[in-house]
Structures are given as structure tokens and as C-alpha cells.
Amino acid sequence: GGFKLIVNGENLDVVQMPMMKFVYNISDYVFISLCESITSSQMICLSPGIDKNLRLNPPIDLYVTFIMDNVKIIPEDDILTIVHDPIYYPFEDYIQEINSTNIIKFEV
């Protein structure tokens, strides 16, 4: 956990207490991450740290909800998958054009 997630939107700087809520298995486990507005169109949230005592075995699908001053917003792609020790591969070229909402490819 603790990876920085960059969130894009509008008027994010007026939200006083932005948060991301992660829910596992409907409501068995709930993790909340505070976010920080950087500009009116960007904020940074941290991915949740999963307590090893919970005995959850990756990959784990977490449902994501944003809470903006008590208003819940469900994103279009509302699942964050947590994997154990992901393998990252460098892009073949320096600049990569992606036509997808999910630009990270993992190998489990």
C-alpha cells in the first residue's frame, strides 16, 4: 500500500476533505485513504495498505468510491486490483499512447 494514485476531475480544490473508500467483499473490510488536492483538476490519494493479519490472499479486488465532503461518487472503473509483488515492464519506447482507462499491465 501507499502508492500515489493521481485522480483527475474538476473543481477538486474546493473539496475540504476528499477521500477514497476501498471496500472488499461487499462490506467485509473497508479501507479509507485521505486525498490531497494539488490543483483544481488533480488530487493525489494513497492506495490502501492491507494488514497481513486479515489473511487476504492477492489478487484482491477492491471497490472504489470517492467521498467528497460526504458526497459519494462512484467512478466508471470502480475496481482496484491489488496483487502480491507485481512485475513491471518498461515501455518499449519513451512515449506511449494509450487509448484505455487502465494503462498499467500486471502479471500475476
PDB file of N, CA and C in Angstrom:
ATOM      1  N   GLY A   1       0.811  -1.188   0.000  1.00  0.00           N
ATOM      2  CA  GLY A   1       0.000   0.000   0.000  1.00  0.00           C
ATOM      3  C   GLY A   1       0.852   1.247   0.000  1.00  0.00           C
ATOM      4  N   GLY A   2       0.186   2.354  -0.106  1.00  0.00           N
ATOM      5  CA  GLY A   2       0.856   3.631  -0.062  1.00  0.00           C
ATOM      6  C   GLY A   2       1.332   4.155  -1.402  1.00  0.00           C
ATOM      7  N   PHE A   3       0.899   3.541  -2.506  1.00  0.00           N
ATOM      8  CA  PHE A   3       1.245   4.065  -3.824  1.00  0.00           C
ATOM      9  C   PHE A   3       0.401   5.295  -4.103  1.00  0.00           C
ATOM     10  N   LYS A   4       1.003   6.295  -4.731  1.00  0.00           N
ATOM     11  CA  LYS A   4       0.277   7.517  -5.050  1.00  0.00           C
ATOM     12  C   LYS A   4      -0.588   7.291  -6.279  1.00  0.00           C
ATOM     13  N   LEU A   5      -1.874   7.582  -6.144  1.00  0.00           N
ATOM     14  CA  LEU A   5      -2.819   7.492  -7.248  1.00  0.00           C
ATOM     15  C   LEU A   5      -3.212   8.912  -7.625  1.00  0.00           C
ATOM     16  N   ILE A   6      -3.017   9.289  -8.870  1.00  0.00           N
ATOM     17  CA  ILE A   6      -3.384  10.626  -9.330  1.00  0.00           C
ATOM     18  C   ILE A   6      -4.803  10.571  -9.872  1.00  0.00           C
ATOM     19  N   VAL A   7      -5.652  11.437  -9.339  1.00  0.00           N
ATOM     20  CA  VAL A   7      -7.065  11.481  -9.708  1.00  0.00           C
ATOM     21  C   VAL A   7      -7.315  12.782 -10.456  1.00  0.00           C
ATOM     22  N   ASN A   8      -7.942  12.689 -11.622  1.00  0.00           N
ATOM     23  CA  ASN A   8      -8.275  13.869 -12.416  1.00  0.00           C
ATOM     24  C   ASN A   8      -9.760  14.149 -12.330  1.00  0.00           C
ATOM     25  N   GLY A   9     -10.114  15.419 -12.308  1.00  0.00           N
ATOM     26  CA  GLY A   9     -11.514  15.814 -12.241  1.00  0.00           C
ATOM     27  C   GLY A   9     -11.640  17.316 -12.376  1.00  0.00           C
ATOM     28  N   GLU A  10     -12.743  17.852 -11.898  1.00  0.00           N
ATOM     29  CA  GLU A  10     -12.989  19.288 -11.959  1.00  0.00           C
ATOM     30  C   GLU A  10     -13.322  19.805 -10.573  1.00  0.00           C
ATOM     31  N   ASN A  11     -12.872  21.015 -10.277  1.00  0.00           N
ATOM     32  CA  ASN A  11     -13.166  21.704  -9.006  1.00  0.00           C
ATOM     33  C   ASN A  11     -12.741  20.898  -7.784  1.00  0.00           C
ATOM     34  N   LEU A  12     -11.668  20.148  -7.901  1.00  0.00           N
ATOM     35  CA  LEU A  12     -11.217  19.317  -6.781  1.00  0.00           C
ATOM     36  C   LEU A  12     -10.637  20.149  -5.642  1.00  0.00           C
ATOM     37  N   ASP A  13     -10.213  21.368  -5.935  1.00  0.00           N
ATOM     38  CA  ASP A  13      -9.617  22.217  -4.908  1.00  0.00           C
ATOM     39  C   ASP A  13     -10.632  22.796  -3.925  1.00  0.00           C
ATOM     40  N   VAL A  14     -11.923  22.718  -4.235  1.00  0.00           N
ATOM     41  CA  VAL A  14     -12.936  23.249  -3.312  1.00  0.00           C
ATOM     42  C   VAL A  14     -13.408  22.200  -2.302  1.00  0.00           C
ATOM     43  N   VAL A  15     -13.032  20.955  -2.512  1.00  0.00           N
ATOM     44  CA  VAL A  15     -13.414  19.888  -1.586  1.00  0.00           C
ATOM     45  C   VAL A  15     -12.529  19.992  -0.350  1.00  0.00           C
ATOM     46  N   GLN A  16     -13.151  20.072   0.829  1.00  0.00           N
ATOM     47  CA  GLN A  16     -12.376  20.260   2.050  1.00  0.00           C
ATOM     48  C   GLN A  16     -11.784  18.966   2.586  1.00  0.00           C
ATOM     49  N   MET A  17     -12.481  17.834   2.388  1.00  0.00           N
ATOM     50  CA  MET A  17     -11.985  16.569   2.916  1.00  0.00           C
ATOM     51  C   MET A  17     -12.181  15.448   1.895  1.00  0.00           C
ATOM     52  N   PRO A  18     -11.373  15.439   0.820  1.00  0.00           N
ATOM     53  CA  PRO A  18     -11.522  14.375  -0.181  1.00  0.00           C
ATOM     54  C   PRO A  18     -10.957  13.052   0.335  1.00  0.00           C
ATOM     55  N   MET A  19     -11.677  11.973   0.055  1.00  0.00           N
ATOM     56  CA  MET A  19     -11.252  10.641   0.491  1.00  0.00           C
ATOM     57  C   MET A  19     -11.562   9.619  -0.592  1.00  0.00           C
ATOM     58  N   MET A  20     -10.811   8.523  -0.560  1.00  0.00           N
ATOM     59  CA  MET A  20     -11.141   7.343  -1.354  1.00  0.00           C
ATOM     60  C   MET A  20     -11.501   6.246  -0.369  1.00  0.00           C
ATOM     61  N   LYS A  21     -12.576   5.546  -0.667  1.00  0.00           N
ATOM     62  CA  LYS A  21     -13.015   4.431   0.174  1.00  0.00           C
ATOM     63  C   LYS A  21     -12.867   3.162  -0.652  1.00  0.00           C
ATOM     64  N   PHE A  22     -12.210   2.169  -0.075  1.00  0.00           N
ATOM     65  CA  PHE A  22     -11.995   0.884  -0.728  1.00  0.00           C
ATOM     66  C   PHE A  22     -12.744  -0.176   0.066  1.00  0.00           C
ATOM     67  N   VAL A  23     -13.575  -0.964  -0.609  1.00  0.00           N
ATOM     68  CA  VAL A  23     -14.376  -1.986   0.071  1.00  0.00           C
ATOM     69  C   VAL A  23     -14.058  -3.340  -0.542  1.00  0.00           C
ATOM     70  N   TYR A  24     -13.787  -4.315   0.335  1.00  0.00           N
ATOM     71  CA  TYR A  24     -13.519  -5.680  -0.105  1.00  0.00           C
ATOM     72  C   TYR A  24     -14.709  -6.559   0.241  1.00  0.00           C
ATOM     73  N   ASN A  25     -15.161  -7.370  -0.722  1.00  0.00           N
ATOM     74  CA  ASN A  25     -16.206  -8.371  -0.499  1.00  0.00           C
ATOM     75  C   ASN A  25     -17.465  -7.744   0.086  1.00  0.00           C
ATOM     76  N   ILE A  26     -18.050  -6.843  -0.653  1.00  0.00           N
ATOM     77  CA  ILE A  26     -19.250  -6.084  -0.299  1.00  0.00           C
ATOM     78  C   ILE A  26     -18.984  -5.166   0.886  1.00  0.00           C
ATOM     79  N   SER A  27     -18.821  -5.689   2.083  1.00  0.00           N
ATOM     80  CA  SER A  27     -18.551  -4.803   3.227  1.00  0.00           C
ATOM     81  C   SER A  27     -17.720  -5.475   4.307  1.00  0.00           C
ATOM     82  N   ASP A  28     -17.076  -6.605   3.970  1.00  0.00           N
ATOM     83  CA  ASP A  28     -16.275  -7.297   4.984  1.00  0.00           C
ATOM     84  C   ASP A  28     -15.162  -6.413   5.531  1.00  0.00           C
ATOM     85  N   TYR A  29     -14.442  -5.739   4.637  1.00  0.00           N
ATOM     86  CA  TYR A  29     -13.330  -4.886   5.046  1.00  0.00           C
ATOM     87  C   TYR A  29     -13.438  -3.559   4.312  1.00  0.00           C
ATOM     88  N   VAL A  30     -13.248  -2.476   5.048  1.00  0.00           N
ATOM     89  CA  VAL A  30     -13.305  -1.135   4.473  1.00  0.00           C
ATOM     90  C   VAL A  30     -12.000  -0.416   4.803  1.00  0.00           C
ATOM     91  N   PHE A  31     -11.390   0.167   3.787  1.00  0.00           N
ATOM     92  CA  PHE A  31     -10.158   0.932   3.954  1.00  0.00           C
ATOM     93  C   PHE A  31     -10.427   2.338   3.434  1.00  0.00           C
ATOM     94  N   ILE A  32     -10.025   3.360   4.178  1.00  0.00           N
ATOM     95  CA  ILE A  32     -10.240   4.741   3.762  1.00  0.00           C
ATOM     96  C   ILE A  32      -8.896   5.440   3.648  1.00  0.00           C
ATOM     97  N   SER A  33      -8.728   6.163   2.556  1.00  0.00           N
ATOM     98  CA  SER A  33      -7.496   6.897   2.285  1.00  0.00           C
ATOM     99  C   SER A  33      -7.838   8.370   2.102  1.00  0.00           C
ATOM    100  N   LEU A  34      -7.152   9.247   2.822  1.00  0.00           N
ATOM    101  CA  LEU A  34      -7.340  10.680   2.634  1.00  0.00           C
ATOM    102  C   LEU A  34      -6.614  11.112   1.368  1.00  0.00           C
ATOM    103  N   CYS A  35      -7.180  12.091   0.685  1.00  0.00           N
ATOM    104  CA  CYS A  35      -6.590  12.595  -0.547  1.00  0.00           C
ATOM    105  C   CYS A  35      -6.172  14.048  -0.351  1.00  0.00           C
ATOM    106  N   GLU A  36      -5.312  14.515  -1.238  1.00  0.00           N
ATOM    107  CA  GLU A  36      -4.839  15.898  -1.174  1.00  0.00           C
ATOM    108  C   GLU A  36      -5.019  16.545  -2.540  1.00  0.00           C
ATOM    109  N   SER A  37      -5.757  17.659  -2.565  1.00  0.00           N
ATOM    110  CA  SER A  37      -5.930  18.399  -3.815  1.00  0.00           C
ATOM    111  C   SER A  37      -4.635  19.114  -4.156  1.00  0.00           C
ATOM    112  N   ILE A  38      -4.207  18.975  -5.406  1.00  0.00           N
ATOM    113  CA  ILE A  38      -2.982  19.626  -5.863  1.00  0.00           C
ATOM    114  C   ILE A  38      -3.338  20.853  -6.693  1.00  0.00           C
ATOM    115  N   THR A  39      -4.301  20.672  -7.584  1.00  0.00           N
ATOM    116  CA  THR A  39      -4.822  21.770  -8.397  1.00  0.00           C
ATOM    117  C   THR A  39      -6.334  21.607  -8.449  1.00  0.00           C
ATOM    118  N   SER A  40      -6.987  22.484  -9.196  1.00  0.00           N
ATOM    119  CA  SER A  40      -8.438  22.355  -9.323  1.00  0.00           C
ATOM    120  C   SER A  40      -8.825  21.112 -10.110  1.00  0.00           C
ATOM    121  N   SER A  41      -7.861  20.537 -10.851  1.00  0.00           N
ATOM    122  CA  SER A  41      -8.189  19.373 -11.678  1.00  0.00           C
ATOM    123  C   SER A  41      -7.448  18.095 -11.281  1.00  0.00           C
ATOM    124  N   GLN A  42      -6.607  18.152 -10.231  1.00  0.00           N
ATOM    125  CA  GLN A  42      -5.878  16.951  -9.814  1.00  0.00           C
ATOM    126  C   GLN A  42      -5.773  16.846  -8.302  1.00  0.00           C
ATOM    127  N   MET A  43      -5.847  15.600  -7.832  1.00  0.00           N
ATOM    128  CA  MET A  43      -5.566  15.316  -6.431  1.00  0.00           C
ATOM    129  C   MET A  43      -4.810  13.998  -6.360  1.00  0.00           C
ATOM    130  N   ILE A  44      -4.136  13.793  -5.232  1.00  0.00           N
ATOM    131  CA  ILE A  44      -3.373  12.565  -5.018  1.00  0.00           C
ATOM    132  C   ILE A  44      -3.980  11.817  -3.845  1.00  0.00           C
ATOM    133  N   CYS A  45      -4.209  10.529  -4.042  1.00  0.00           N
ATOM    134  CA  CYS A  45      -4.698   9.646  -2.982  1.00  0.00           C
ATOM    135  C   CYS A  45      -3.689   8.505  -2.848  1.00  0.00           C
ATOM    136  N   LEU A  46      -3.615   7.918  -1.679  1.00  0.00           N
ATOM    137  CA  LEU A  46      -2.725   6.782  -1.472  1.00  0.00           C
ATOM    138  C   LEU A  46      -3.512   5.483  -1.547  1.00  0.00           C
ATOM    139  N   SER A  47      -2.921   4.484  -2.192  1.00  0.00           N
ATOM    140  CA  SER A  47      -3.561   3.166  -2.219  1.00  0.00           C
ATOM    141  C   SER A  47      -3.537   2.595  -0.804  1.00  0.00           C
ATOM    142  N   PRO A  48      -4.484   1.733  -0.483  1.00  0.00           N
ATOM    143  CA  PRO A  48      -4.563   1.228   0.893  1.00  0.00           C
ATOM    144  C   PRO A  48      -3.465   0.221   1.203  1.00  0.00           C
ATOM    145  N   GLY A  49      -3.032   0.222   2.439  1.00  0.00           N
ATOM    146  CA  GLY A  49      -2.153  -0.828   2.933  1.00  0.00           C
ATOM    147  C   GLY A  49      -3.028  -1.937   3.497  1.00  0.00           C
ATOM    148  N   ILE A  50      -2.780  -3.146   3.107  1.00  0.00           N
ATOM    149  CA  ILE A  50      -3.591  -4.277   3.560  1.00  0.00           C
ATOM    150  C   ILE A  50      -2.878  -4.944   4.729  1.00  0.00           C
ATOM    151  N   ASP A  51      -3.536  -4.999   5.860  1.00  0.00           N
ATOM    152  CA  ASP A  51      -2.977  -5.622   7.064  1.00  0.00           C
ATOM    153  C   ASP A  51      -2.817  -7.125   6.826  1.00  0.00           C
ATOM    154  N   LYS A  52      -1.609  -7.630   7.011  1.00  0.00           N
ATOM    155  CA  LYS A  52      -1.351  -9.060   6.778  1.00  0.00           C
ATOM    156  C   LYS A  52      -2.133  -9.949   7.735  1.00  0.00           C
ATOM    157  N   ASN A  53      -2.540  -9.431   8.882  1.00  0.00           N
ATOM    158  CA  ASN A  53      -3.329 -10.219   9.834  1.00  0.00           C
ATOM    159  C   ASN A  53      -4.732 -10.526   9.322  1.00  0.00           C
ATOM    160  N   LEU A  54      -5.186  -9.803   8.285  1.00  0.00           N
ATOM    161  CA  LEU A  54      -6.511 -10.072   7.718  1.00  0.00           C
ATOM    162  C   LEU A  54      -6.528 -11.355   6.897  1.00  0.00           C
ATOM    163  N   ARG A  55      -5.365 -11.849   6.536  1.00  0.00           N
ATOM    164  CA  ARG A  55      -5.217 -13.092   5.766  1.00  0.00           C
ATOM    165  C   ARG A  55      -5.973 -13.060   4.435  1.00  0.00           C
ATOM    166  N   LEU A  56      -5.848 -11.960   3.747  1.00  0.00           N
ATOM    167  CA  LEU A  56      -6.421 -11.842   2.409  1.00  0.00           C
ATOM    168  C   LEU A  56      -5.337 -12.214   1.412  1.00  0.00           C
ATOM    169  N   ASN A  57      -5.645 -13.102   0.503  1.00  0.00           N
ATOM    170  CA  ASN A  57      -4.657 -13.570  -0.464  1.00  0.00           C
ATOM    171  C   ASN A  57      -4.860 -12.879  -1.806  1.00  0.00           C
ATOM    172  N   PRO A  58      -3.850 -12.115  -2.261  1.00  0.00           N
ATOM    173  CA  PRO A  58      -3.957 -11.452  -3.563  1.00  0.00           C
ATOM    174  C   PRO A  58      -4.082 -12.471  -4.682  1.00  0.00           C
ATOM    175  N   PRO A  59      -4.684 -12.109  -5.802  1.00  0.00           N
ATOM    176  CA  PRO A  59      -5.192 -10.777  -6.104  1.00  0.00           C
ATOM    177  C   PRO A  59      -6.488 -10.468  -5.355  1.00  0.00           C
ATOM    178  N   ILE A  60      -6.625  -9.207  -4.957  1.00  0.00           N
ATOM    179  CA  ILE A  60      -7.790  -8.743  -4.203  1.00  0.00           C
ATOM    180  C   ILE A  60      -8.447  -7.626  -5.002  1.00  0.00           C
ATOM    181  N   ASP A  61      -9.739  -7.743  -5.270  1.00  0.00           N
ATOM    182  CA  ASP A  61     -10.486  -6.681  -5.938  1.00  0.00           C
ATOM    183  C   ASP A  61     -11.149  -5.803  -4.890  1.00  0.00           C
ATOM    184  N   LEU A  62     -10.840  -4.517  -4.931  1.00  0.00           N
ATOM    185  CA  LEU A  62     -11.441  -3.553  -4.019  1.00  0.00           C
ATOM    186  C   LEU A  62     -12.340  -2.622  -4.822  1.00  0.00           C
ATOM    187  N   TYR A  63     -13.561  -2.405  -4.338  1.00  0.00           N
ATOM    188  CA  TYR A  63     -14.467  -1.456  -4.969  1.00  0.00           C
ATOM    189  C   TYR A  63     -14.117  -0.062  -4.466  1.00  0.00           C
ATOM    190  N   VAL A  64     -13.997   0.876  -5.390  1.00  0.00           N
ATOM    191  CA  VAL A  64     -13.536   2.224  -5.069  1.00  0.00           C
ATOM    192  C   VAL A  64     -14.706   3.202  -5.117  1.00  0.00           C
ATOM    193  N   THR A  65     -14.775   4.051  -4.101  1.00  0.00           N
ATOM    194  CA  THR A  65     -15.732   5.147  -4.052  1.00  0.00           C
ATOM    195  C   THR A  65     -14.984   6.386  -3.590  1.00  0.00           C
ATOM    196  N   PHE A  66     -15.267   7.512  -4.202  1.00  0.00           N
ATOM    197  CA  PHE A  66     -14.721   8.782  -3.726  1.00  0.00           C
ATOM    198  C   PHE A  66     -15.746   9.425  -2.816  1.00  0.00           C
ATOM    199  N   ILE A  67     -15.282  10.003  -1.731  1.00  0.00           N
ATOM    200  CA  ILE A  67     -16.165  10.731  -0.822  1.00  0.00           C
ATOM    201  C   ILE A  67     -15.665  12.166  -0.795  1.00  0.00           C
ATOM    202  N   MET A  68     -16.472  13.060  -1.331  1.00  0.00           N
ATOM    203  CA  MET A  68     -16.114  14.475  -1.421  1.00  0.00           C
ATOM    204  C   MET A  68     -17.017  15.267  -0.488  1.00  0.00           C
ATOM    205  N   ASP A  69     -16.545  15.528   0.717  1.00  0.00           N
ATOM    206  CA  ASP A  69     -17.334  16.238   1.733  1.00  0.00           C
ATOM    207  C   ASP A  69     -18.700  15.573   1.916  1.00  0.00           C
ATOM    208  N   ASN A  70     -18.694  14.284   2.169  1.00  0.00           N
ATOM    209  CA  ASN A  70     -19.872  13.451   2.430  1.00  0.00           C
ATOM    210  C   ASN A  70     -20.727  13.153   1.200  1.00  0.00           C
ATOM    211  N   VAL A  71     -20.288  13.531   0.010  1.00  0.00           N
ATOM    212  CA  VAL A  71     -20.977  13.159  -1.223  1.00  0.00           C
ATOM    213  C   VAL A  71     -20.211  11.992  -1.828  1.00  0.00           C
ATOM    214  N   LYS A  72     -20.905  10.862  -2.055  1.00  0.00           N
ATOM    215  CA  LYS A  72     -20.255   9.670  -2.607  1.00  0.00           C
ATOM    216  C   LYS A  72     -20.302   9.703  -4.128  1.00  0.00           C
ATOM    217  N   ILE A  73     -19.153   9.437  -4.736  1.00  0.00           N
ATOM    218  CA  ILE A  73     -19.038   9.404  -6.190  1.00  0.00           C
ATOM    219  C   ILE A  73     -18.419   8.063  -6.568  1.00  0.00           C
ATOM    220  N   ILE A  74     -19.114   7.318  -7.423  1.00  0.00           N
ATOM    221  CA  ILE A  74     -18.607   6.020  -7.871  1.00  0.00           C
ATOM    222  C   ILE A  74     -18.030   6.200  -9.275  1.00  0.00           C
ATOM    223  N   PRO A  75     -16.723   5.955  -9.442  1.00  0.00           N
ATOM    224  CA  PRO A  75     -16.112   6.133 -10.767  1.00  0.00           C
ATOM    225  C   PRO A  75     -16.580   5.076 -11.757  1.00  0.00           C
ATOM    226  N   GLU A  76     -16.380   5.377 -13.041  1.00  0.00           N
ATOM    227  CA  GLU A  76     -16.773   4.449 -14.103  1.00  0.00           C
ATOM    228  C   GLU A  76     -16.047   3.116 -13.959  1.00  0.00           C
ATOM    229  N   ASP A  77     -14.749   3.161 -13.743  1.00  0.00           N
ATOM    230  CA  ASP A  77     -13.961   1.950 -13.496  1.00  0.00           C
ATOM    231  C   ASP A  77     -13.755   1.873 -11.994  1.00  0.00           C
ATOM    232  N   ASP A  78     -14.635   1.158 -11.309  1.00  0.00           N
ATOM    233  CA  ASP A  78     -14.688   1.249  -9.843  1.00  0.00           C
ATOM    234  C   ASP A  78     -13.983   0.117  -9.107  1.00  0.00           C
ATOM    235  N   ILE A  79     -13.123  -0.636  -9.782  1.00  0.00           N
ATOM    236  CA  ILE A  79     -12.421  -1.738  -9.108  1.00  0.00           C
ATOM    237  C   ILE A  79     -10.912  -1.504  -9.184  1.00  0.00           C
ATOM    238  N   LEU A  80     -10.254  -1.616  -8.030  1.00  0.00           N
ATOM    239  CA  LEU A  80      -8.796  -1.563  -7.940  1.00  0.00           C
ATOM    240  C   LEU A  80      -8.339  -2.954  -7.540  1.00  0.00           C
ATOM    241  N   THR A  81      -7.477  -3.558  -8.347  1.00  0.00           N
ATOM    242  CA  THR A  81      -6.976  -4.898  -8.055  1.00  0.00           C
ATOM    243  C   THR A  81      -5.606  -4.793  -7.408  1.00  0.00           C
ATOM    244  N   ILE A  82      -5.463  -5.423  -6.239  1.00  0.00           N
ATOM    245  CA  ILE A  82      -4.198  -5.457  -5.515  1.00  0.00           C
ATOM    246  C   ILE A  82      -3.579  -6.833  -5.756  1.00  0.00           C
ATOM    247  N   VAL A  83      -2.321  -6.841  -6.187  1.00  0.00           N
ATOM    248  CA  VAL A  83      -1.620  -8.101  -6.421  1.00  0.00           C
ATOM    249  C   VAL A  83      -0.383  -8.157  -5.538  1.00  0.00           C
ATOM    250  N   HIS A  84       0.123  -9.356  -5.321  1.00  0.00           N
ATOM    251  CA  HIS A  84       1.310  -9.555  -4.495  1.00  0.00           C
ATOM    252  C   HIS A  84       2.549  -9.439  -5.371  1.00  0.00           C
ATOM    253  N   ASP A  85       3.447  -8.535  -5.027  1.00  0.00           N
ATOM    254  CA  ASP A  85       4.712  -8.337  -5.739  1.00  0.00           C
ATOM    255  C   ASP A  85       4.531  -8.310  -7.256  1.00  0.00           C
ATOM    256  N   PRO A  86       3.880  -7.259  -7.769  1.00  0.00           N
ATOM    257  CA  PRO A  86       3.667  -7.191  -9.220  1.00  0.00           C
ATOM    258  C   PRO A  86       4.988  -7.052  -9.965  1.00  0.00           C
ATOM    259  N   ILE A  87       4.979  -7.488 -11.219  1.00  0.00           N
ATOM    260  CA  ILE A  87       6.146  -7.354 -12.086  1.00  0.00           C
ATOM    261  C   ILE A  87       5.854  -6.212 -13.054  1.00  0.00           C
ATOM    262  N   TYR A  88       6.738  -5.231 -13.110  1.00  0.00           N
ATOM    263  CA  TYR A  88       6.582  -4.095 -14.007  1.00  0.00           C
ATOM    264  C   TYR A  88       7.551  -4.244 -15.172  1.00  0.00           C
ATOM    265  N   TYR A  89       7.067  -3.964 -16.362  1.00  0.00           N
ATOM    266  CA  TYR A  89       7.916  -3.987 -17.543  1.00  0.00           C
ATOM    267  C   TYR A  89       8.020  -2.567 -18.088  1.00  0.00           C
ATOM    268  N   PRO A  90       9.220  -2.138 -18.486  1.00  0.00           N
ATOM    269  CA  PRO A  90       9.350  -0.782 -19.041  1.00  0.00           C
ATOM    270  C   PRO A  90       8.675  -0.698 -20.408  1.00  0.00           C
ATOM    271  N   PHE A  91       8.212   0.503 -20.748  1.00  0.00           N
ATOM    272  CA  PHE A  91       7.670   0.722 -22.077  1.00  0.00           C
ATOM    273  C   PHE A  91       8.782   0.534 -23.095  1.00  0.00           C
ATOM    274  N   GLU A  92       8.434   0.043 -24.279  1.00  0.00           N
ATOM    275  CA  GLU A  92       9.436  -0.169 -25.319  1.00  0.00           C
ATOM    276  C   GLU A  92       9.969   1.155 -25.846  1.00  0.00           C
ATOM    277  N   ASP A  93       9.116   2.143 -25.956  1.00  0.00           N
ATOM    278  CA  ASP A  93       9.517   3.478 -26.389  1.00  0.00           C
ATOM    279  C   ASP A  93       9.309   4.435 -25.227  1.00  0.00           C
ATOM    280  N   TYR A  94       9.981   5.574 -25.303  1.00  0.00           N
ATOM    281  CA  TYR A  94       9.883   6.549 -24.215  1.00  0.00           C
ATOM    282  C   TYR A  94       8.455   7.086 -24.078  1.00  0.00           C
ATOM    283  N   ILE A  95       7.803   7.391 -25.199  1.00  0.00           N
ATOM    284  CA  ILE A  95       6.438   7.926 -25.163  1.00  0.00           C
ATOM    285  C   ILE A  95       5.485   6.832 -25.607  1.00  0.00           C
ATOM    286  N   GLN A  96       4.431   6.650 -24.842  1.00  0.00           N
ATOM    287  CA  GLN A  96       3.465   5.595 -25.110  1.00  0.00           C
ATOM    288  C   GLN A  96       2.083   6.231 -25.207  1.00  0.00           C
ATOM    289  N   GLU A  97       1.355   5.974 -26.293  1.00  0.00           N
ATOM    290  CA  GLU A  97      -0.007   6.471 -26.414  1.00  0.00           C
ATOM    291  C   GLU A  97      -0.956   5.339 -26.044  1.00  0.00           C
ATOM    292  N   ILE A  98      -1.796   5.594 -25.071  1.00  0.00           N
ATOM    293  CA  ILE A  98      -2.716   4.579 -24.568  1.00  0.00           C
ATOM    294  C   ILE A  98      -4.146   5.060 -24.796  1.00  0.00           C
ATOM    295  N   ASN A  99      -4.974   4.224 -25.371  1.00  0.00           N
ATOM    296  CA  ASN A  99      -6.385   4.553 -25.567  1.00  0.00           C
ATOM    297  C   ASN A  99      -7.245   3.700 -24.656  1.00  0.00           C
ATOM    298  N   SER A 100      -6.909   3.705 -23.380  1.00  0.00           N
ATOM    299  CA  SER A 100      -7.619   2.896 -22.397  1.00  0.00           C
ATOM    300  C   SER A 100      -7.587   3.621 -21.067  1.00  0.00           C
ATOM    301  N   THR A 101      -8.546   3.314 -20.190  1.00  0.00           N
ATOM    302  CA  THR A 101      -8.545   3.926 -18.864  1.00  0.00           C
ATOM    303  C   THR A 101      -7.557   3.244 -17.944  1.00  0.00           C
ATOM    304  N   ASN A 102      -7.167   2.004 -18.242  1.00  0.00           N
ATOM    305  CA  ASN A 102      -6.216   1.272 -17.406  1.00  0.00           C
ATOM    306  C   ASN A 102      -4.917   1.124 -18.181  1.00  0.00           C
ATOM    307  N   ILE A 103      -3.884   1.901 -17.800  1.00  0.00           N
ATOM    308  CA  ILE A 103      -2.649   1.890 -18.573  1.00  0.00           C
ATOM    309  C   ILE A 103      -1.574   1.002 -17.974  1.00  0.00           C
ATOM    310  N   ILE A 104      -1.846   0.368 -16.849  1.00  0.00           N
ATOM    311  CA  ILE A 104      -0.848  -0.492 -16.219  1.00  0.00           C
ATOM    312  C   ILE A 104      -1.209  -1.945 -16.479  1.00  0.00           C
ATOM    313  N   LYS A 105      -0.243  -2.717 -16.929  1.00  0.00           N
ATOM    314  CA  LYS A 105      -0.463  -4.135 -17.190  1.00  0.00           C
ATOM    315  C   LYS A 105       0.343  -4.930 -16.177  1.00  0.00           C
ATOM    316  N   PHE A 106      -0.312  -5.823 -15.467  1.00  0.00           N
ATOM    317  CA  PHE A 106       0.334  -6.615 -14.429  1.00  0.00           C
ATOM    318  C   PHE A 106       0.410  -8.072 -14.849  1.00  0.00           C
ATOM    319  N   GLU A 107       1.392  -8.761 -14.313  1.00  0.00           N
ATOM    320  CA  GLU A 107       1.483 -10.207 -14.468  1.00  0.00           C
ATOM    321  C   GLU A 107       1.380 -10.805 -13.079  1.00  0.00           C
ATOM    322  N   VAL A 108       0.418 -11.681 -12.868  1.00  0.00           N
ATOM    323  CA  VAL A 108       0.191 -12.269 -11.544  1.00  0.00           C
ATOM    324  C   VAL A 108       0.795 -13.646 -11.489  1.00  0.00           C
TER     325      VAL A 108
END
